[in-house]
Amino acid sequence: MKPVIFKLPNHSADKNYLLSTISESKTSTPRISKIENIDNTDFSIKEDKKYFNYFWDKNSAFIANIIRYSINYDGLWALSDGPWFQQYVSGNNHDWHFHKNSFWNFVYFLEMPDDGPSTEFKEPFTGNIFSLKIEEGDLLVFPSQYIHRSPFNTSKERKTIIAFNITYEYSNE
């Protein structure tokens, strides 16, 4: 399955509240390494996240339908690796990576400048690079094994995402 975009139904109503609770959140220092230069994130914070609780309350049924009807999985599943947000200002990026210990990645574009960088993907086997046209309010869903990146933000505006992964759970019954 290739990456797919869904429009979140409550984006306009929820955006300001989510940004407000993110600004009040405990964050780690900017993440700067060989593969990432991210202005603000709570990736390494493992405590309860008010913005995500609100997001999940509003969107979990919608996400469950994506899993059931678009991914075509009707079994048990759970969030894995904890949710996080990332904010990219001009010059920030997150280089090629993939997410282990999960099956599906979900990226909600809470703030996305018109000239902001869309997530890029590298095709397995061919190495071809492609992207999808992402707009603010989009929920991008893709298999966790896809190598992807957020290219340098050349916009003067900030890009904010909320990300989470899911994994399948197996029953011993």
N, C-alpha and C. Protein backbone atom coordinates (compact mmCIF):
# COMPACT_ATOMS: atom_id res chain seq x y z
N MET A 1 0.84 -1.18 0.00
CA MET A 1 0.00 0.00 0.00
C MET A 1 0.88 1.24 0.00
N LYS A 2 0.57 2.17 -0.86
CA LYS A 2 1.28 3.45 -0.89
C LYS A 2 0.65 4.40 0.12
N PRO A 3 1.34 5.48 0.45
CA PRO A 3 0.78 6.48 1.36
C PRO A 3 -0.55 7.02 0.84
N VAL A 4 -1.45 7.30 1.79
CA VAL A 4 -2.79 7.80 1.47
C VAL A 4 -3.07 9.00 2.36
N ILE A 5 -3.82 9.97 1.82
CA ILE A 5 -4.19 11.18 2.56
C ILE A 5 -5.69 11.16 2.86
N PHE A 6 -6.02 11.49 4.09
CA PHE A 6 -7.41 11.65 4.51
C PHE A 6 -7.57 13.07 5.06
N LYS A 7 -8.73 13.65 4.89
CA LYS A 7 -9.04 14.97 5.46
C LYS A 7 -9.68 14.76 6.83
N LEU A 8 -9.09 15.34 7.86
CA LEU A 8 -9.70 15.24 9.18
C LEU A 8 -10.91 16.17 9.25
N PRO A 9 -12.03 15.64 9.70
CA PRO A 9 -13.27 16.42 9.65
C PRO A 9 -13.32 17.61 10.61
N ASN A 10 -12.55 17.62 11.68
CA ASN A 10 -12.66 18.67 12.69
C ASN A 10 -11.51 19.67 12.66
N HIS A 11 -10.71 19.67 11.62
CA HIS A 11 -9.49 20.48 11.63
C HIS A 11 -9.75 21.95 11.95
N SER A 12 -10.63 22.60 11.25
CA SER A 12 -10.87 24.04 11.46
C SER A 12 -11.30 24.34 12.88
N ALA A 13 -12.14 23.50 13.45
CA ALA A 13 -12.63 23.72 14.81
C ALA A 13 -11.57 23.42 15.87
N ASP A 14 -10.64 22.51 15.59
CA ASP A 14 -9.70 22.04 16.60
C ASP A 14 -8.31 22.68 16.54
N LYS A 15 -7.97 23.29 15.43
CA LYS A 15 -6.60 23.76 15.21
C LYS A 15 -6.09 24.67 16.33
N ASN A 16 -6.81 25.73 16.64
CA ASN A 16 -6.33 26.69 17.63
C ASN A 16 -6.17 26.08 19.01
N TYR A 17 -7.12 25.22 19.41
CA TYR A 17 -7.00 24.57 20.71
C TYR A 17 -5.77 23.66 20.75
N LEU A 18 -5.56 22.87 19.69
CA LEU A 18 -4.41 21.98 19.65
C LEU A 18 -3.10 22.76 19.71
N LEU A 19 -3.00 23.85 18.94
CA LEU A 19 -1.78 24.66 18.98
C LEU A 19 -1.57 25.28 20.35
N SER A 20 -2.64 25.70 20.99
CA SER A 20 -2.55 26.28 22.33
C SER A 20 -2.05 25.25 23.34
N THR A 21 -2.60 24.04 23.30
CA THR A 21 -2.16 23.01 24.26
C THR A 21 -0.75 22.53 23.93
N ILE A 22 -0.36 22.53 22.67
CA ILE A 22 1.02 22.19 22.32
C ILE A 22 1.97 23.24 22.89
N SER A 23 1.59 24.52 22.79
CA SER A 23 2.47 25.57 23.30
C SER A 23 2.63 25.50 24.81
N GLU A 24 1.68 24.89 25.50
CA GLU A 24 1.75 24.72 26.95
C GLU A 24 2.43 23.41 27.35
N SER A 25 2.74 22.56 26.39
CA SER A 25 3.28 21.23 26.65
C SER A 25 4.74 21.29 27.07
N LYS A 26 5.11 20.28 27.83
CA LYS A 26 6.52 20.09 28.15
C LYS A 26 7.20 19.61 26.88
N THR A 27 8.32 20.22 26.54
CA THR A 27 9.02 19.83 25.31
C THR A 27 10.47 19.52 25.63
N SER A 28 11.10 18.81 24.74
CA SER A 28 12.52 18.57 24.86
C SER A 28 13.24 19.72 24.17
N THR A 29 14.51 19.80 24.36
CA THR A 29 15.29 20.83 23.66
C THR A 29 15.21 20.54 22.17
N PRO A 30 15.48 21.52 21.34
CA PRO A 30 15.45 21.24 19.90
C PRO A 30 16.29 20.01 19.57
N ARG A 31 15.78 19.19 18.66
CA ARG A 31 16.50 17.98 18.26
C ARG A 31 17.39 18.32 17.08
N ILE A 32 18.68 18.26 17.31
CA ILE A 32 19.65 18.54 16.26
C ILE A 32 20.63 17.37 16.23
N SER A 33 20.67 16.68 15.11
CA SER A 33 21.59 15.55 14.95
C SER A 33 21.92 15.43 13.48
N LYS A 34 22.56 14.32 13.12
CA LYS A 34 22.90 14.09 11.71
C LYS A 34 21.66 13.98 10.83
N ILE A 35 20.54 13.51 11.40
CA ILE A 35 19.36 13.31 10.55
C ILE A 35 18.20 14.25 10.86
N GLU A 36 18.31 15.07 11.89
CA GLU A 36 17.18 15.93 12.20
C GLU A 36 17.61 17.28 12.76
N ASN A 37 16.84 18.27 12.39
CA ASN A 37 17.00 19.63 12.90
C ASN A 37 15.57 20.14 13.09
N ILE A 38 15.04 19.90 14.29
CA ILE A 38 13.63 20.17 14.59
C ILE A 38 13.57 21.20 15.70
N ASP A 39 12.85 22.29 15.45
CA ASP A 39 12.80 23.41 16.39
C ASP A 39 12.15 23.05 17.71
N ASN A 40 11.04 22.31 17.68
CA ASN A 40 10.30 22.03 18.89
C ASN A 40 9.61 20.68 18.76
N THR A 41 9.73 19.85 19.80
CA THR A 41 9.11 18.53 19.79
C THR A 41 8.96 18.03 21.22
N ASP A 42 8.08 17.06 21.39
CA ASP A 42 7.99 16.37 22.68
C ASP A 42 8.23 14.87 22.47
N PHE A 43 8.97 14.54 21.43
CA PHE A 43 9.20 13.13 21.07
C PHE A 43 9.73 12.31 22.25
N SER A 44 10.67 12.84 23.01
CA SER A 44 11.27 12.07 24.09
C SER A 44 10.51 12.18 25.41
N ILE A 45 9.43 12.94 25.45
CA ILE A 45 8.61 13.07 26.65
C ILE A 45 7.59 11.94 26.65
N LYS A 46 7.56 11.15 27.68
CA LYS A 46 6.68 9.97 27.70
C LYS A 46 5.45 10.14 28.57
N GLU A 47 5.24 11.29 29.18
CA GLU A 47 4.08 11.47 30.04
C GLU A 47 2.83 11.79 29.23
N ASP A 48 1.71 11.85 29.92
CA ASP A 48 0.42 12.14 29.30
C ASP A 48 0.49 13.44 28.49
N LYS A 49 -0.13 13.46 27.33
CA LYS A 49 -0.08 14.62 26.44
C LYS A 49 -1.49 15.14 26.20
N LYS A 50 -1.77 16.29 26.79
CA LYS A 50 -3.11 16.88 26.75
C LYS A 50 -3.59 17.09 25.32
N TYR A 51 -2.72 17.62 24.44
CA TYR A 51 -3.14 17.87 23.06
C TYR A 51 -3.53 16.57 22.36
N PHE A 52 -2.78 15.49 22.65
CA PHE A 52 -3.10 14.23 21.97
C PHE A 52 -4.37 13.62 22.54
N ASN A 53 -4.59 13.73 23.83
CA ASN A 53 -5.84 13.22 24.40
C ASN A 53 -7.04 13.89 23.73
N TYR A 54 -6.96 15.19 23.54
CA TYR A 54 -8.03 15.93 22.87
C TYR A 54 -8.17 15.45 21.42
N PHE A 55 -7.03 15.39 20.71
CA PHE A 55 -7.03 14.92 19.31
C PHE A 55 -7.66 13.53 19.22
N TRP A 56 -7.26 12.62 20.10
CA TRP A 56 -7.75 11.25 20.06
C TRP A 56 -9.24 11.17 20.37
N ASP A 57 -9.69 11.94 21.36
CA ASP A 57 -11.12 11.97 21.68
C ASP A 57 -11.95 12.38 20.46
N LYS A 58 -11.46 13.35 19.71
CA LYS A 58 -12.19 13.87 18.56
C LYS A 58 -12.09 12.97 17.32
N ASN A 59 -10.98 12.22 17.18
CA ASN A 59 -10.70 11.55 15.90
C ASN A 59 -10.53 10.04 15.96
N SER A 60 -10.64 9.42 17.14
CA SER A 60 -10.35 7.99 17.23
C SER A 60 -11.33 7.14 16.41
N ALA A 61 -12.59 7.52 16.36
CA ALA A 61 -13.55 6.75 15.55
C ALA A 61 -13.21 6.85 14.07
N PHE A 62 -12.83 8.04 13.62
CA PHE A 62 -12.42 8.25 12.24
C PHE A 62 -11.19 7.40 11.91
N ILE A 63 -10.22 7.39 12.82
CA ILE A 63 -8.99 6.61 12.63
C ILE A 63 -9.30 5.11 12.65
N ALA A 64 -10.17 4.69 13.54
CA ALA A 64 -10.57 3.27 13.58
C ALA A 64 -11.20 2.85 12.25
N ASN A 65 -11.98 3.73 11.64
CA ASN A 65 -12.56 3.42 10.33
C ASN A 65 -11.49 3.34 9.25
N ILE A 66 -10.47 4.18 9.32
CA ILE A 66 -9.36 4.09 8.37
C ILE A 66 -8.70 2.72 8.49
N ILE A 67 -8.43 2.31 9.73
CA ILE A 67 -7.78 1.01 9.95
C ILE A 67 -8.66 -0.13 9.45
N ARG A 68 -9.93 -0.05 9.74
CA ARG A 68 -10.83 -1.14 9.36
C ARG A 68 -11.14 -1.18 7.87
N TYR A 69 -11.44 -0.02 7.28
CA TYR A 69 -11.95 -0.02 5.91
C TYR A 69 -10.91 0.35 4.84
N SER A 70 -9.90 1.11 5.19
CA SER A 70 -8.88 1.48 4.20
C SER A 70 -7.67 0.56 4.28
N ILE A 71 -7.23 0.29 5.50
CA ILE A 71 -6.12 -0.65 5.67
C ILE A 71 -6.64 -2.09 5.60
N ASN A 72 -7.95 -2.26 5.80
CA ASN A 72 -8.60 -3.56 5.75
C ASN A 72 -8.12 -4.50 6.85
N TYR A 73 -8.00 -3.94 8.05
CA TYR A 73 -7.61 -4.74 9.21
C TYR A 73 -8.72 -4.66 10.23
N ASP A 74 -9.26 -5.81 10.60
CA ASP A 74 -10.40 -5.87 11.52
C ASP A 74 -10.01 -6.49 12.86
N GLY A 75 -8.71 -6.64 13.11
CA GLY A 75 -8.25 -7.25 14.35
C GLY A 75 -7.93 -6.22 15.42
N LEU A 76 -7.23 -6.69 16.42
CA LEU A 76 -6.82 -5.82 17.52
C LEU A 76 -5.63 -4.97 17.11
N TRP A 77 -5.61 -3.72 17.54
CA TRP A 77 -4.50 -2.82 17.26
C TRP A 77 -4.34 -1.86 18.43
N ALA A 78 -3.19 -1.21 18.50
CA ALA A 78 -2.93 -0.26 19.59
C ALA A 78 -1.93 0.78 19.12
N LEU A 79 -1.91 1.91 19.81
CA LEU A 79 -0.89 2.91 19.56
C LEU A 79 0.45 2.34 20.00
N SER A 80 1.50 2.65 19.27
CA SER A 80 2.84 2.22 19.66
C SER A 80 3.78 3.42 19.65
N ASP A 81 4.81 3.37 20.44
CA ASP A 81 5.86 4.39 20.49
C ASP A 81 5.39 5.75 21.01
N GLY A 82 4.19 5.85 21.47
CA GLY A 82 3.69 7.13 21.98
C GLY A 82 3.52 8.18 20.90
N PRO A 83 2.55 9.07 21.05
CA PRO A 83 2.38 10.16 20.08
C PRO A 83 3.40 11.27 20.35
N TRP A 84 3.60 12.13 19.36
CA TRP A 84 4.49 13.27 19.52
C TRP A 84 4.12 14.35 18.53
N PHE A 85 4.60 15.56 18.81
CA PHE A 85 4.45 16.64 17.83
C PHE A 85 5.84 17.10 17.43
N GLN A 86 5.92 17.71 16.27
CA GLN A 86 7.16 18.32 15.80
C GLN A 86 6.80 19.64 15.13
N GLN A 87 7.63 20.65 15.38
CA GLN A 87 7.44 21.95 14.74
C GLN A 87 8.72 22.30 14.00
N TYR A 88 8.54 22.64 12.74
CA TYR A 88 9.65 22.98 11.85
C TYR A 88 9.54 24.45 11.47
N VAL A 89 10.57 25.22 11.77
CA VAL A 89 10.63 26.60 11.31
C VAL A 89 11.55 26.62 10.08
N SER A 90 11.71 27.77 9.49
CA SER A 90 12.54 27.88 8.29
C SER A 90 13.93 27.29 8.54
N GLY A 91 14.34 26.42 7.64
CA GLY A 91 15.66 25.78 7.74
C GLY A 91 15.66 24.44 8.44
N ASN A 92 14.57 24.06 9.11
CA ASN A 92 14.50 22.77 9.79
C ASN A 92 14.20 21.65 8.81
N ASN A 93 14.59 20.43 9.19
CA ASN A 93 14.30 19.25 8.39
C ASN A 93 14.39 18.00 9.25
N HIS A 94 13.96 16.88 8.70
CA HIS A 94 14.12 15.55 9.31
C HIS A 94 14.48 14.62 8.17
N ASP A 95 15.73 14.16 8.13
CA ASP A 95 16.25 13.40 7.00
C ASP A 95 15.66 11.99 6.96
N TRP A 96 16.12 11.19 6.00
CA TRP A 96 15.58 9.86 5.74
C TRP A 96 15.59 8.99 6.99
N HIS A 97 14.45 8.35 7.27
CA HIS A 97 14.32 7.44 8.41
C HIS A 97 13.07 6.57 8.19
N PHE A 98 12.90 5.59 9.06
CA PHE A 98 11.68 4.80 9.08
C PHE A 98 11.35 4.50 10.54
N HIS A 99 10.15 4.01 10.79
CA HIS A 99 9.70 3.76 12.15
C HIS A 99 9.65 2.26 12.40
N LYS A 100 10.45 1.80 13.35
CA LYS A 100 10.43 0.38 13.69
C LYS A 100 9.39 0.14 14.78
N ASN A 101 9.10 -1.09 15.06
CA ASN A 101 8.18 -1.50 16.12
C ASN A 101 6.74 -1.03 15.89
N SER A 102 6.36 -0.84 14.65
CA SER A 102 4.98 -0.48 14.35
C SER A 102 4.65 -0.94 12.93
N PHE A 103 3.38 -0.86 12.58
CA PHE A 103 2.95 -1.26 11.24
C PHE A 103 2.55 -0.07 10.38
N TRP A 104 1.95 0.95 11.02
CA TRP A 104 1.43 2.08 10.25
C TRP A 104 1.81 3.39 10.93
N ASN A 105 2.18 4.38 10.12
CA ASN A 105 2.46 5.73 10.60
C ASN A 105 1.30 6.64 10.24
N PHE A 106 0.97 7.53 11.14
CA PHE A 106 -0.08 8.53 10.93
C PHE A 106 0.55 9.90 11.21
N VAL A 107 0.42 10.81 10.28
CA VAL A 107 0.96 12.17 10.45
C VAL A 107 -0.15 13.16 10.14
N TYR A 108 -0.51 13.94 11.14
CA TYR A 108 -1.54 14.96 11.00
C TYR A 108 -0.85 16.31 10.82
N PHE A 109 -1.16 16.99 9.74
CA PHE A 109 -0.55 18.28 9.43
C PHE A 109 -1.41 19.39 10.03
N LEU A 110 -1.08 19.75 11.26
CA LEU A 110 -1.84 20.74 12.01
C LEU A 110 -1.60 22.14 11.44
N GLU A 111 -0.34 22.45 11.13
CA GLU A 111 0.01 23.68 10.43
C GLU A 111 0.84 23.28 9.22
N MET A 112 0.41 23.74 8.04
CA MET A 112 1.15 23.41 6.83
C MET A 112 1.09 24.62 5.90
N PRO A 113 2.20 25.37 5.82
CA PRO A 113 2.22 26.52 4.91
C PRO A 113 1.98 26.07 3.47
N ASP A 114 1.37 26.93 2.67
CA ASP A 114 1.14 26.60 1.26
C ASP A 114 2.44 26.25 0.56
N ASP A 115 3.53 26.89 0.96
CA ASP A 115 4.84 26.61 0.36
C ASP A 115 5.69 25.71 1.25
N GLY A 116 5.05 25.00 2.20
CA GLY A 116 5.77 24.12 3.11
C GLY A 116 6.15 22.81 2.45
N PRO A 117 7.15 22.13 3.02
CA PRO A 117 7.63 20.87 2.41
C PRO A 117 6.73 19.69 2.75
N SER A 118 6.31 18.97 1.72
CA SER A 118 5.56 17.73 1.91
C SER A 118 6.52 16.61 2.28
N THR A 119 6.00 15.63 2.99
CA THR A 119 6.79 14.44 3.29
C THR A 119 7.21 13.77 1.98
N GLU A 120 8.45 13.36 1.91
CA GLU A 120 8.94 12.63 0.74
C GLU A 120 9.19 11.18 1.12
N PHE A 121 8.99 10.31 0.14
CA PHE A 121 9.16 8.88 0.33
C PHE A 121 10.16 8.34 -0.66
N LYS A 122 10.87 7.29 -0.24
CA LYS A 122 11.80 6.60 -1.13
C LYS A 122 11.24 5.21 -1.40
N GLU A 123 10.97 4.93 -2.68
CA GLU A 123 10.41 3.64 -3.06
C GLU A 123 11.40 2.51 -2.79
N PRO A 124 10.89 1.41 -2.23
CA PRO A 124 11.76 0.24 -2.08
C PRO A 124 12.18 -0.27 -3.46
N PHE A 125 13.31 -0.84 -3.54
CA PHE A 125 13.88 -1.46 -4.74
C PHE A 125 14.37 -0.46 -5.78
N THR A 126 13.58 0.55 -6.10
CA THR A 126 13.99 1.49 -7.16
C THR A 126 14.73 2.71 -6.61
N GLY A 127 14.42 3.09 -5.37
CA GLY A 127 15.02 4.29 -4.80
C GLY A 127 14.39 5.58 -5.31
N ASN A 128 13.36 5.46 -6.16
CA ASN A 128 12.68 6.65 -6.67
C ASN A 128 12.06 7.43 -5.51
N ILE A 129 12.17 8.74 -5.58
CA ILE A 129 11.63 9.62 -4.55
C ILE A 129 10.33 10.24 -5.06
N PHE A 130 9.32 10.22 -4.19
CA PHE A 130 8.05 10.84 -4.55
C PHE A 130 7.43 11.51 -3.33
N SER A 131 6.50 12.40 -3.57
CA SER A 131 5.76 13.04 -2.48
C SER A 131 4.32 13.21 -2.92
N LEU A 132 3.48 13.49 -1.97
CA LEU A 132 2.07 13.76 -2.23
C LEU A 132 1.81 15.22 -1.87
N LYS A 133 0.82 15.82 -2.49
CA LYS A 133 0.48 17.20 -2.18
C LYS A 133 -0.26 17.21 -0.84
N ILE A 134 0.40 17.73 0.18
CA ILE A 134 -0.15 17.77 1.52
C ILE A 134 -0.69 19.17 1.80
N GLU A 135 -1.84 19.22 2.46
CA GLU A 135 -2.43 20.49 2.86
C GLU A 135 -2.70 20.45 4.36
N GLU A 136 -2.80 21.62 4.94
CA GLU A 136 -3.15 21.71 6.35
C GLU A 136 -4.46 20.97 6.60
N GLY A 137 -4.50 20.20 7.68
CA GLY A 137 -5.69 19.41 8.01
C GLY A 137 -5.65 18.00 7.47
N ASP A 138 -4.63 17.66 6.69
CA ASP A 138 -4.51 16.31 6.14
C ASP A 138 -3.95 15.34 7.18
N LEU A 139 -4.39 14.10 7.08
CA LEU A 139 -3.85 13.00 7.86
C LEU A 139 -3.22 12.03 6.86
N LEU A 140 -1.91 11.92 6.92
CA LEU A 140 -1.15 11.06 6.02
C LEU A 140 -0.95 9.72 6.70
N VAL A 141 -1.27 8.63 6.00
CA VAL A 141 -1.14 7.28 6.54
C VAL A 141 -0.26 6.47 5.59
N PHE A 142 0.74 5.78 6.17
CA PHE A 142 1.61 4.97 5.32
C PHE A 142 2.25 3.85 6.13
N PRO A 143 2.68 2.76 5.45
CA PRO A 143 3.34 1.66 6.14
C PRO A 143 4.63 2.15 6.81
N SER A 144 4.86 1.66 8.02
CA SER A 144 6.01 2.13 8.82
C SER A 144 7.35 1.81 8.19
N GLN A 145 7.40 0.85 7.31
CA GLN A 145 8.67 0.49 6.69
C GLN A 145 9.08 1.43 5.57
N TYR A 146 8.19 2.33 5.17
CA TYR A 146 8.55 3.29 4.13
C TYR A 146 9.60 4.26 4.65
N ILE A 147 10.69 4.36 3.94
CA ILE A 147 11.70 5.36 4.27
C ILE A 147 11.15 6.71 3.82
N HIS A 148 11.21 7.69 4.72
CA HIS A 148 10.60 8.99 4.44
C HIS A 148 11.40 10.11 5.11
N ARG A 149 11.10 11.33 4.71
CA ARG A 149 11.76 12.49 5.32
C ARG A 149 10.87 13.72 5.18
N SER A 150 11.18 14.69 6.02
CA SER A 150 10.61 16.03 5.88
C SER A 150 11.74 16.91 5.38
N PRO A 151 11.71 17.30 4.10
CA PRO A 151 12.80 18.12 3.55
C PRO A 151 12.90 19.47 4.27
N PHE A 152 13.94 20.20 3.98
CA PHE A 152 14.15 21.51 4.60
C PHE A 152 12.91 22.38 4.41
N ASN A 153 12.51 23.02 5.49
CA ASN A 153 11.40 23.97 5.42
C ASN A 153 11.95 25.28 4.88
N THR A 154 11.59 25.60 3.67
CA THR A 154 12.04 26.85 3.04
C THR A 154 11.01 27.96 3.21
N SER A 155 9.88 27.62 3.83
CA SER A 155 8.84 28.61 4.07
C SER A 155 9.24 29.52 5.23
N LYS A 156 8.69 30.69 5.27
CA LYS A 156 8.88 31.58 6.42
C LYS A 156 7.90 31.24 7.54
N GLU A 157 6.94 30.36 7.23
CA GLU A 157 5.93 29.95 8.21
C GLU A 157 6.30 28.60 8.83
N ARG A 158 5.78 28.38 10.03
CA ARG A 158 6.03 27.14 10.76
C ARG A 158 5.14 26.01 10.24
N LYS A 159 5.70 24.82 10.27
CA LYS A 159 4.97 23.58 9.97
C LYS A 159 4.87 22.80 11.28
N THR A 160 3.66 22.35 11.65
CA THR A 160 3.46 21.58 12.87
C THR A 160 2.75 20.28 12.52
N ILE A 161 3.30 19.18 13.00
CA ILE A 161 2.65 17.88 12.80
C ILE A 161 2.43 17.20 14.14
N ILE A 162 1.41 16.36 14.17
CA ILE A 162 1.20 15.43 15.28
C ILE A 162 1.32 14.05 14.66
N ALA A 163 2.17 13.22 15.23
CA ALA A 163 2.43 11.90 14.65
C ALA A 163 2.19 10.80 15.69
N PHE A 164 1.79 9.65 15.19
CA PHE A 164 1.65 8.47 16.03
C PHE A 164 1.71 7.25 15.13
N ASN A 165 2.00 6.12 15.74
CA ASN A 165 2.11 4.86 15.02
C ASN A 165 1.13 3.85 15.63
N ILE A 166 0.72 2.89 14.83
CA ILE A 166 -0.06 1.79 15.40
C ILE A 166 0.63 0.47 15.09
N THR A 167 0.32 -0.48 15.93
CA THR A 167 0.81 -1.84 15.75
C THR A 167 -0.37 -2.78 15.89
N TYR A 168 -0.23 -3.96 15.38
CA TYR A 168 -1.26 -4.97 15.54
C TYR A 168 -1.00 -5.73 16.83
N GLU A 169 -2.08 -6.10 17.49
CA GLU A 169 -1.96 -6.91 18.70
C GLU A 169 -2.52 -8.28 18.38
N TYR A 170 -1.91 -9.27 18.98
CA TYR A 170 -2.31 -10.63 18.70
C TYR A 170 -2.94 -11.26 19.94
N SER A 171 -3.98 -11.99 19.74
CA SER A 171 -4.66 -12.65 20.84
C SER A 171 -4.18 -14.10 20.90
N ASN A 172 -4.02 -14.62 22.10
CA ASN A 172 -3.61 -16.02 22.28
C ASN A 172 -4.82 -16.95 22.33
N GLU A 173 -5.99 -16.41 22.11
CA GLU A 173 -7.20 -17.23 22.20
C GLU A 173 -7.41 -18.02 20.93
